[in-house]
N, C-alpha and C. Protein backbone atom coordinates (compact mmCIF):
# COMPACT_ATOMS: atom_id res chain seq x y z
N MET A 1 9.06 27.66 -17.98
CA MET A 1 8.44 26.66 -17.28
C MET A 1 7.11 26.34 -18.05
N ALA A 2 6.73 25.16 -17.81
CA ALA A 2 5.53 24.75 -18.50
C ALA A 2 4.29 24.88 -17.70
N GLN A 3 3.27 24.17 -17.72
CA GLN A 3 1.98 24.30 -17.19
C GLN A 3 2.05 24.43 -15.65
N ILE A 4 2.85 23.48 -15.04
CA ILE A 4 2.81 23.49 -13.55
C ILE A 4 3.47 24.73 -13.09
N GLY A 5 4.44 25.29 -13.69
CA GLY A 5 5.18 26.58 -13.40
C GLY A 5 4.22 27.76 -13.39
N ASP A 6 3.39 27.69 -14.43
CA ASP A 6 2.49 28.94 -14.63
C ASP A 6 1.41 28.91 -13.44
N ARG A 7 0.83 27.74 -13.14
CA ARG A 7 -0.11 27.58 -12.01
C ARG A 7 0.59 28.01 -10.77
N LEU A 8 1.86 27.55 -10.53
CA LEU A 8 2.53 27.79 -9.39
C LEU A 8 2.76 29.26 -9.14
N GLN A 9 3.10 30.06 -10.17
CA GLN A 9 3.36 31.49 -9.97
C GLN A 9 2.08 32.17 -9.72
N ALA A 10 0.93 31.74 -10.16
CA ALA A 10 -0.40 32.49 -9.91
C ALA A 10 -0.78 32.15 -8.53
N ASP A 11 -0.45 30.96 -7.96
CA ASP A 11 -0.85 30.52 -6.66
C ASP A 11 0.10 31.35 -5.56
N ILE A 12 1.27 31.47 -5.98
CA ILE A 12 2.18 32.24 -5.19
C ILE A 12 1.63 33.71 -4.92
N ILE A 13 1.31 34.25 -5.97
CA ILE A 13 0.55 35.64 -5.93
C ILE A 13 -0.58 35.67 -4.93
N THR A 14 -1.47 34.60 -5.17
CA THR A 14 -2.62 34.45 -4.38
C THR A 14 -2.25 34.17 -2.86
N ALA A 15 -1.22 33.41 -2.62
CA ALA A 15 -0.80 33.26 -1.17
C ALA A 15 -0.31 34.49 -0.64
N MET A 16 0.49 35.22 -1.46
CA MET A 16 0.95 36.58 -0.92
C MET A 16 -0.07 37.52 -0.58
N LYS A 17 -1.12 37.68 -1.35
CA LYS A 17 -2.19 38.49 -1.04
C LYS A 17 -3.12 38.02 0.15
N ALA A 18 -3.18 36.70 0.32
CA ALA A 18 -3.80 36.23 1.46
C ALA A 18 -2.96 36.08 2.69
N ARG A 19 -1.66 36.54 2.64
CA ARG A 19 -0.75 36.50 3.74
C ARG A 19 -0.62 35.15 4.31
N ASP A 20 -0.63 34.09 3.45
CA ASP A 20 -0.61 32.62 3.88
C ASP A 20 0.88 32.27 3.84
N GLU A 21 1.61 32.44 5.07
CA GLU A 21 3.01 32.19 5.02
C GLU A 21 3.45 30.78 4.72
N PHE A 22 2.68 29.87 5.28
CA PHE A 22 3.03 28.30 5.09
C PHE A 22 2.98 28.03 3.58
N THR A 23 1.77 28.28 2.93
CA THR A 23 1.66 28.03 1.48
C THR A 23 2.56 28.80 0.66
N LEU A 24 2.90 30.13 1.08
CA LEU A 24 3.80 30.83 0.25
C LEU A 24 5.27 30.31 0.30
N THR A 25 5.70 29.82 1.47
CA THR A 25 7.08 29.33 1.67
C THR A 25 7.13 27.95 0.80
N THR A 26 6.08 27.14 0.91
CA THR A 26 6.14 25.84 0.32
C THR A 26 6.17 26.06 -1.13
N LEU A 27 5.30 26.86 -1.76
CA LEU A 27 5.21 27.09 -3.19
C LEU A 27 6.58 27.68 -3.64
N ARG A 28 7.13 28.65 -2.93
CA ARG A 28 8.26 29.18 -3.37
C ARG A 28 9.50 28.10 -3.38
N MET A 29 9.44 27.10 -2.43
CA MET A 29 10.39 26.12 -2.39
C MET A 29 10.26 25.24 -3.66
N VAL A 30 8.98 24.97 -4.11
CA VAL A 30 8.77 24.17 -5.25
C VAL A 30 9.24 24.94 -6.47
N LYS A 31 8.93 26.18 -6.57
CA LYS A 31 9.38 26.96 -7.72
C LYS A 31 10.89 27.10 -7.86
N SER A 32 11.45 27.15 -6.69
CA SER A 32 12.98 27.20 -6.67
C SER A 32 13.53 25.89 -7.21
N ALA A 33 12.92 24.72 -6.73
CA ALA A 33 13.46 23.46 -7.26
C ALA A 33 13.31 23.36 -8.74
N LEU A 34 12.18 23.78 -9.27
CA LEU A 34 11.78 23.75 -10.78
C LEU A 34 12.95 24.70 -11.46
N LYS A 35 13.16 25.88 -10.87
CA LYS A 35 13.99 26.79 -11.57
C LYS A 35 15.37 26.35 -11.56
N SER A 36 15.84 25.66 -10.45
CA SER A 36 17.18 25.17 -10.33
C SER A 36 17.41 24.07 -11.39
N LYS A 37 16.53 23.19 -11.57
CA LYS A 37 16.56 22.10 -12.51
C LYS A 37 16.69 22.69 -13.92
N GLU A 38 15.88 23.85 -14.18
CA GLU A 38 15.69 24.52 -15.58
C GLU A 38 17.16 25.08 -15.83
N ILE A 39 17.70 25.69 -14.83
CA ILE A 39 19.09 26.19 -14.96
C ILE A 39 20.17 25.21 -15.24
N ASP A 40 20.09 24.01 -14.53
CA ASP A 40 21.00 22.90 -14.70
C ASP A 40 20.89 22.36 -16.11
N THR A 41 19.66 22.24 -16.56
CA THR A 41 19.55 21.59 -18.04
C THR A 41 19.73 22.63 -19.14
N ARG A 42 19.69 23.95 -18.77
CA ARG A 42 19.80 25.04 -19.70
C ARG A 42 18.77 25.06 -20.73
N LYS A 43 17.62 24.55 -20.47
CA LYS A 43 16.45 24.59 -21.39
C LYS A 43 15.11 24.56 -20.55
N ALA A 44 14.04 25.08 -21.11
CA ALA A 44 12.84 24.93 -20.42
C ALA A 44 12.39 23.50 -20.11
N LEU A 45 11.68 23.38 -18.96
CA LEU A 45 11.40 22.01 -18.55
C LEU A 45 10.04 21.51 -19.24
N THR A 46 9.95 20.27 -19.52
CA THR A 46 8.66 19.64 -20.12
C THR A 46 7.85 19.36 -18.90
N ASP A 47 6.58 19.21 -19.20
CA ASP A 47 5.59 18.87 -18.14
C ASP A 47 6.11 17.59 -17.42
N ALA A 48 6.62 16.63 -18.14
CA ALA A 48 7.02 15.37 -17.50
C ALA A 48 8.22 15.53 -16.60
N GLU A 49 9.18 16.52 -16.98
CA GLU A 49 10.24 16.73 -16.18
C GLU A 49 9.86 17.56 -14.91
N GLU A 50 8.82 18.36 -15.04
CA GLU A 50 8.29 18.96 -13.73
C GLU A 50 7.72 18.04 -12.92
N GLN A 51 6.93 17.09 -13.41
CA GLN A 51 6.20 16.13 -12.67
C GLN A 51 7.25 15.28 -11.83
N ALA A 52 8.24 14.87 -12.57
CA ALA A 52 9.38 14.01 -12.00
C ALA A 52 9.97 14.75 -10.79
N ILE A 53 10.13 16.01 -10.90
CA ILE A 53 10.73 16.87 -9.76
C ILE A 53 9.64 16.87 -8.56
N LEU A 54 8.52 17.08 -8.88
CA LEU A 54 7.46 17.22 -7.81
C LEU A 54 7.34 15.76 -7.20
N THR A 55 7.47 14.73 -7.97
CA THR A 55 7.31 13.33 -7.45
C THR A 55 8.54 13.18 -6.39
N THR A 56 9.69 13.58 -6.75
CA THR A 56 10.89 13.46 -5.90
C THR A 56 10.56 14.23 -4.62
N MET A 57 10.05 15.43 -4.71
CA MET A 57 9.85 16.25 -3.50
C MET A 57 8.78 15.58 -2.59
N ILE A 58 7.72 15.01 -3.18
CA ILE A 58 6.83 14.33 -2.33
C ILE A 58 7.35 13.18 -1.75
N LYS A 59 8.20 12.31 -2.37
CA LYS A 59 8.86 11.22 -1.70
C LYS A 59 9.73 11.67 -0.67
N GLN A 60 10.51 12.68 -0.74
CA GLN A 60 11.32 13.24 0.30
C GLN A 60 10.51 13.61 1.50
N ARG A 61 9.32 14.16 1.24
CA ARG A 61 8.59 14.55 2.40
C ARG A 61 7.88 13.42 3.09
N LYS A 62 7.43 12.32 2.29
CA LYS A 62 7.01 11.09 2.90
C LYS A 62 8.02 10.46 3.73
N ASP A 63 9.28 10.37 3.37
CA ASP A 63 10.45 9.93 4.12
C ASP A 63 10.59 10.62 5.40
N SER A 64 10.57 12.00 5.37
CA SER A 64 10.68 12.84 6.42
C SER A 64 9.50 12.61 7.47
N TYR A 65 8.23 12.54 6.83
CA TYR A 65 7.07 12.25 7.73
C TYR A 65 7.21 10.99 8.59
N GLU A 66 7.75 9.95 7.92
CA GLU A 66 7.92 8.60 8.64
C GLU A 66 8.93 8.75 9.67
N GLN A 67 10.05 9.48 9.47
CA GLN A 67 11.04 9.74 10.54
C GLN A 67 10.49 10.57 11.59
N PHE A 68 9.78 11.64 11.35
CA PHE A 68 9.33 12.48 12.41
C PHE A 68 8.26 11.67 13.17
N THR A 69 7.55 10.88 12.59
CA THR A 69 6.44 10.09 13.23
C THR A 69 7.18 9.15 14.24
N LYS A 70 8.21 8.41 13.66
CA LYS A 70 8.87 7.40 14.51
C LYS A 70 9.60 8.14 15.77
N GLY A 71 10.14 9.29 15.46
CA GLY A 71 10.85 10.15 16.48
C GLY A 71 9.92 10.80 17.49
N GLY A 72 8.58 10.68 17.22
CA GLY A 72 7.66 11.37 18.20
C GLY A 72 7.52 12.88 17.98
N ARG A 73 7.86 13.33 16.80
CA ARG A 73 7.81 14.80 16.60
C ARG A 73 6.61 15.14 15.60
N ALA A 74 5.50 14.99 16.38
CA ALA A 74 4.07 15.17 15.75
C ALA A 74 4.01 16.53 14.97
N GLU A 75 4.36 17.55 15.48
CA GLU A 75 4.30 18.94 14.86
C GLU A 75 5.12 18.92 13.58
N LEU A 76 6.24 18.33 13.43
CA LEU A 76 7.09 18.36 12.22
C LEU A 76 6.49 17.37 11.21
N ALA A 77 5.87 16.23 11.67
CA ALA A 77 5.27 15.29 10.76
C ALA A 77 4.09 15.84 10.16
N GLU A 78 3.28 16.65 10.95
CA GLU A 78 2.06 17.29 10.37
C GLU A 78 2.50 18.37 9.40
N LYS A 79 3.60 19.12 9.50
CA LYS A 79 4.09 20.03 8.54
C LYS A 79 4.39 19.42 7.25
N GLU A 80 5.05 18.22 7.42
CA GLU A 80 5.43 17.46 6.22
C GLU A 80 4.20 17.06 5.46
N GLN A 81 3.18 16.58 6.26
CA GLN A 81 1.91 16.09 5.64
C GLN A 81 1.25 17.23 4.94
N ARG A 82 1.20 18.42 5.47
CA ARG A 82 0.69 19.59 4.76
C ARG A 82 1.29 19.89 3.42
N GLU A 83 2.72 19.83 3.54
CA GLU A 83 3.51 20.15 2.35
C GLU A 83 3.20 19.18 1.24
N ILE A 84 3.00 17.79 1.64
CA ILE A 84 2.75 16.79 0.69
C ILE A 84 1.43 17.12 -0.01
N ALA A 85 0.38 17.53 0.80
CA ALA A 85 -0.92 17.80 0.19
C ALA A 85 -0.76 19.00 -0.65
N LEU A 86 -0.02 20.07 -0.36
CA LEU A 86 0.15 21.13 -1.29
C LEU A 86 0.77 20.89 -2.61
N ILE A 87 1.95 20.15 -2.49
CA ILE A 87 2.67 19.76 -3.77
C ILE A 87 1.88 18.86 -4.52
N ASP A 88 1.16 17.85 -3.97
CA ASP A 88 0.37 16.92 -4.68
C ASP A 88 -0.70 17.45 -5.57
N ALA A 89 -1.13 18.63 -5.09
CA ALA A 89 -2.27 19.38 -5.86
C ALA A 89 -1.74 19.64 -7.37
N TYR A 90 -0.44 19.77 -7.56
CA TYR A 90 0.00 20.17 -8.78
C TYR A 90 0.34 19.01 -9.70
N MET A 91 0.15 17.83 -9.20
CA MET A 91 0.40 16.64 -9.91
C MET A 91 -0.90 16.09 -10.66
N PRO A 92 -0.68 15.37 -11.69
CA PRO A 92 -1.87 14.89 -12.44
C PRO A 92 -2.62 13.85 -11.53
N LYS A 93 -3.86 13.56 -11.99
CA LYS A 93 -4.69 12.67 -11.15
C LYS A 93 -3.97 11.29 -11.02
N ALA A 94 -4.07 10.85 -9.91
CA ALA A 94 -3.46 9.45 -9.59
C ALA A 94 -4.29 8.37 -10.14
N ALA A 95 -3.79 7.40 -10.85
CA ALA A 95 -4.56 6.33 -11.37
C ALA A 95 -5.07 5.33 -10.33
N GLY A 96 -6.27 4.82 -10.39
CA GLY A 96 -6.76 3.93 -9.47
C GLY A 96 -6.43 2.46 -9.99
N ASP A 97 -6.77 1.52 -9.15
CA ASP A 97 -6.29 0.03 -9.56
C ASP A 97 -6.87 -0.30 -10.86
N ASP A 98 -8.19 0.08 -11.13
CA ASP A 98 -8.80 -0.36 -12.46
C ASP A 98 -8.05 0.24 -13.52
N GLU A 99 -7.71 1.58 -13.48
CA GLU A 99 -6.92 2.15 -14.58
C GLU A 99 -5.64 1.59 -14.79
N ILE A 100 -4.90 1.24 -13.66
CA ILE A 100 -3.58 0.64 -13.75
C ILE A 100 -3.71 -0.70 -14.44
N ARG A 101 -4.72 -1.39 -13.96
CA ARG A 101 -5.02 -2.76 -14.74
C ARG A 101 -5.23 -2.59 -16.15
N SER A 102 -5.99 -1.73 -16.52
CA SER A 102 -6.28 -1.40 -17.91
C SER A 102 -4.96 -1.09 -18.69
N ILE A 103 -4.02 -0.24 -18.14
CA ILE A 103 -2.80 0.04 -18.68
C ILE A 103 -1.94 -1.09 -18.87
N VAL A 104 -1.87 -1.87 -17.83
CA VAL A 104 -1.00 -3.10 -17.87
C VAL A 104 -1.62 -4.05 -18.97
N GLU A 105 -2.88 -4.30 -19.06
CA GLU A 105 -3.37 -5.24 -20.07
C GLU A 105 -3.07 -4.58 -21.33
N GLY A 106 -3.20 -3.34 -21.63
CA GLY A 106 -2.80 -2.82 -22.93
C GLY A 106 -1.44 -2.99 -23.22
N ALA A 107 -0.56 -2.75 -22.29
CA ALA A 107 0.96 -2.93 -22.56
C ALA A 107 1.15 -4.34 -22.83
N VAL A 108 0.63 -5.33 -22.21
CA VAL A 108 0.84 -6.82 -22.50
C VAL A 108 0.48 -7.05 -23.78
N ALA A 109 -0.78 -6.54 -24.19
CA ALA A 109 -1.30 -6.81 -25.52
C ALA A 109 -0.42 -6.21 -26.65
N GLN A 110 0.13 -5.06 -26.33
CA GLN A 110 1.02 -4.39 -27.33
C GLN A 110 2.38 -5.21 -27.47
N ILE A 111 2.93 -5.67 -26.40
CA ILE A 111 4.17 -6.41 -26.42
C ILE A 111 3.84 -7.76 -27.09
N THR A 112 2.64 -8.44 -26.89
CA THR A 112 2.36 -9.69 -27.52
C THR A 112 2.29 -9.47 -29.04
N ALA A 113 1.64 -8.39 -29.46
CA ALA A 113 1.56 -8.04 -30.85
C ALA A 113 2.94 -7.88 -31.46
N ASP A 114 3.74 -7.11 -30.79
CA ASP A 114 5.13 -6.88 -31.27
C ASP A 114 5.86 -8.20 -31.36
N ASN A 115 5.71 -9.09 -30.56
CA ASN A 115 6.39 -10.35 -30.45
C ASN A 115 5.73 -11.37 -31.48
N GLY A 116 4.88 -11.08 -32.37
CA GLY A 116 4.26 -12.02 -33.30
C GLY A 116 3.26 -12.94 -32.77
N GLY A 117 2.63 -12.34 -31.58
CA GLY A 117 1.50 -13.15 -31.03
C GLY A 117 1.93 -14.01 -29.76
N THR A 118 3.38 -13.91 -29.44
CA THR A 118 3.91 -14.69 -28.33
C THR A 118 3.63 -13.83 -27.07
N LYS A 119 2.94 -14.46 -26.11
CA LYS A 119 2.74 -13.70 -24.84
C LYS A 119 4.12 -13.54 -24.08
N PRO A 120 4.33 -12.28 -23.61
CA PRO A 120 5.66 -12.03 -22.77
C PRO A 120 5.69 -12.80 -21.65
N GLY A 121 6.82 -13.15 -21.18
CA GLY A 121 7.06 -13.73 -19.94
C GLY A 121 7.79 -12.85 -18.90
N ALA A 122 8.27 -13.42 -17.88
CA ALA A 122 8.89 -12.73 -16.69
C ALA A 122 10.06 -11.93 -17.27
N LYS A 123 10.85 -12.48 -18.20
CA LYS A 123 12.03 -11.78 -18.73
C LYS A 123 11.77 -10.52 -19.46
N ASP A 124 10.51 -10.42 -19.95
CA ASP A 124 9.95 -9.21 -20.65
C ASP A 124 9.47 -8.07 -19.74
N MET A 125 9.57 -8.22 -18.42
CA MET A 125 9.16 -7.33 -17.41
C MET A 125 9.46 -5.79 -17.79
N GLY A 126 10.76 -5.61 -18.07
CA GLY A 126 11.25 -4.27 -18.33
C GLY A 126 10.59 -3.65 -19.61
N ALA A 127 10.31 -4.41 -20.67
CA ALA A 127 9.71 -3.92 -21.79
C ALA A 127 8.36 -3.55 -21.49
N VAL A 128 7.62 -4.52 -20.78
CA VAL A 128 6.11 -4.12 -20.42
C VAL A 128 6.14 -2.95 -19.60
N MET A 129 7.01 -2.86 -18.60
CA MET A 129 7.03 -1.75 -17.78
C MET A 129 7.19 -0.46 -18.51
N LYS A 130 8.15 -0.41 -19.48
CA LYS A 130 8.39 0.79 -20.41
C LYS A 130 7.13 1.15 -21.08
N VAL A 131 6.44 0.25 -21.73
CA VAL A 131 5.16 0.52 -22.48
C VAL A 131 4.09 1.15 -21.56
N ALA A 132 4.05 0.40 -20.34
CA ALA A 132 3.02 0.85 -19.44
C ALA A 132 3.23 2.28 -18.93
N ARG A 133 4.39 2.52 -18.63
CA ARG A 133 4.78 3.99 -18.21
C ARG A 133 4.41 4.96 -19.31
N ALA A 134 4.81 4.64 -20.58
CA ALA A 134 4.43 5.54 -21.70
C ALA A 134 2.96 5.70 -21.95
N ARG A 135 2.15 4.65 -21.64
CA ARG A 135 0.66 4.62 -21.77
C ARG A 135 0.12 5.56 -20.67
N SER A 136 0.65 5.36 -19.52
CA SER A 136 0.13 6.29 -18.43
C SER A 136 0.40 7.71 -18.54
N LEU A 137 1.47 8.04 -19.12
CA LEU A 137 1.95 9.48 -19.33
C LEU A 137 1.02 9.86 -20.56
N ALA A 138 0.73 9.18 -21.51
CA ALA A 138 -0.08 9.54 -22.62
C ALA A 138 -1.43 9.88 -22.24
N ASP A 139 -1.95 9.13 -21.11
CA ASP A 139 -3.32 9.30 -20.63
C ASP A 139 -3.36 10.46 -19.65
N GLY A 140 -2.14 10.93 -19.19
CA GLY A 140 -2.10 12.15 -18.23
C GLY A 140 -2.35 11.54 -16.88
N LEU A 141 -1.94 10.34 -16.63
CA LEU A 141 -2.19 9.82 -15.24
C LEU A 141 -0.90 9.62 -14.55
N ARG A 142 -0.99 9.72 -13.29
CA ARG A 142 0.26 9.43 -12.31
C ARG A 142 0.05 8.01 -11.77
N VAL A 143 1.01 7.19 -12.01
CA VAL A 143 0.84 5.74 -11.57
C VAL A 143 1.98 5.51 -10.63
N ASP A 144 1.57 4.84 -9.55
CA ASP A 144 2.56 4.37 -8.48
C ASP A 144 3.38 3.23 -8.99
N GLY A 145 4.76 3.46 -9.07
CA GLY A 145 5.60 2.42 -9.63
C GLY A 145 5.55 1.05 -8.97
N GLY A 146 5.40 1.02 -7.67
CA GLY A 146 5.33 -0.28 -6.99
C GLY A 146 4.03 -0.99 -7.42
N LYS A 147 2.92 -0.31 -7.47
CA LYS A 147 1.69 -1.01 -7.82
C LYS A 147 1.72 -1.50 -9.25
N LEU A 148 2.29 -0.62 -10.03
CA LEU A 148 2.40 -0.97 -11.48
C LEU A 148 3.22 -2.23 -11.71
N SER A 149 4.41 -2.30 -10.99
CA SER A 149 5.24 -3.46 -11.02
C SER A 149 4.57 -4.72 -10.57
N GLU A 150 3.87 -4.59 -9.52
CA GLU A 150 3.03 -5.75 -8.91
C GLU A 150 2.13 -6.35 -9.90
N MET A 151 1.34 -5.38 -10.54
CA MET A 151 0.28 -5.82 -11.48
C MET A 151 0.96 -6.40 -12.77
N ILE A 152 2.11 -5.82 -13.14
CA ILE A 152 2.69 -6.48 -14.38
C ILE A 152 3.28 -7.88 -13.97
N LYS A 153 3.74 -8.05 -12.81
CA LYS A 153 4.28 -9.42 -12.43
C LYS A 153 3.18 -10.28 -12.42
N ALA A 154 1.96 -9.89 -11.96
CA ALA A 154 0.84 -10.87 -11.83
C ALA A 154 0.29 -11.21 -13.23
N ALA A 155 0.32 -10.12 -14.13
CA ALA A 155 -0.10 -10.39 -15.64
C ALA A 155 0.81 -11.35 -16.33
N LEU A 156 2.20 -11.25 -15.99
CA LEU A 156 3.10 -12.02 -16.71
C LEU A 156 3.29 -13.48 -16.10
N ALA A 157 2.84 -13.64 -14.85
CA ALA A 157 2.94 -14.98 -14.26
C ALA A 157 2.06 -16.00 -14.79
């Protein structure tokens, strides 16, 4: 396992010593998901792969949180919220609107340069999105796909 896995193991030991059952259970669940994916792929996970797994786990918990809130199950919704906060601590820093805007502008400029100075249009959305994602990963930032998509549409309009 890469960086996240190493931090996770150290935090599991800390939670064991502190007898923090909730944290211990949650961190073991995360470690199990990472290990399962590692076994499936038959190779060590990269940081990007680990982040993708954690992102999926956070999305699942957000969905559960919404369902429990709608169903009037406050105690279960609160548990999901705590798990989200714990898992989110292992993710890279989330990019703010200004940082996302900067990434989008850089991606549009790169595609414009690649197209011989022709500004990309709406049909180039996928190409700009791909470049923007690569730039955010290179910067070590986590970017919300929905926000990124909106800003790219606005930039291409």
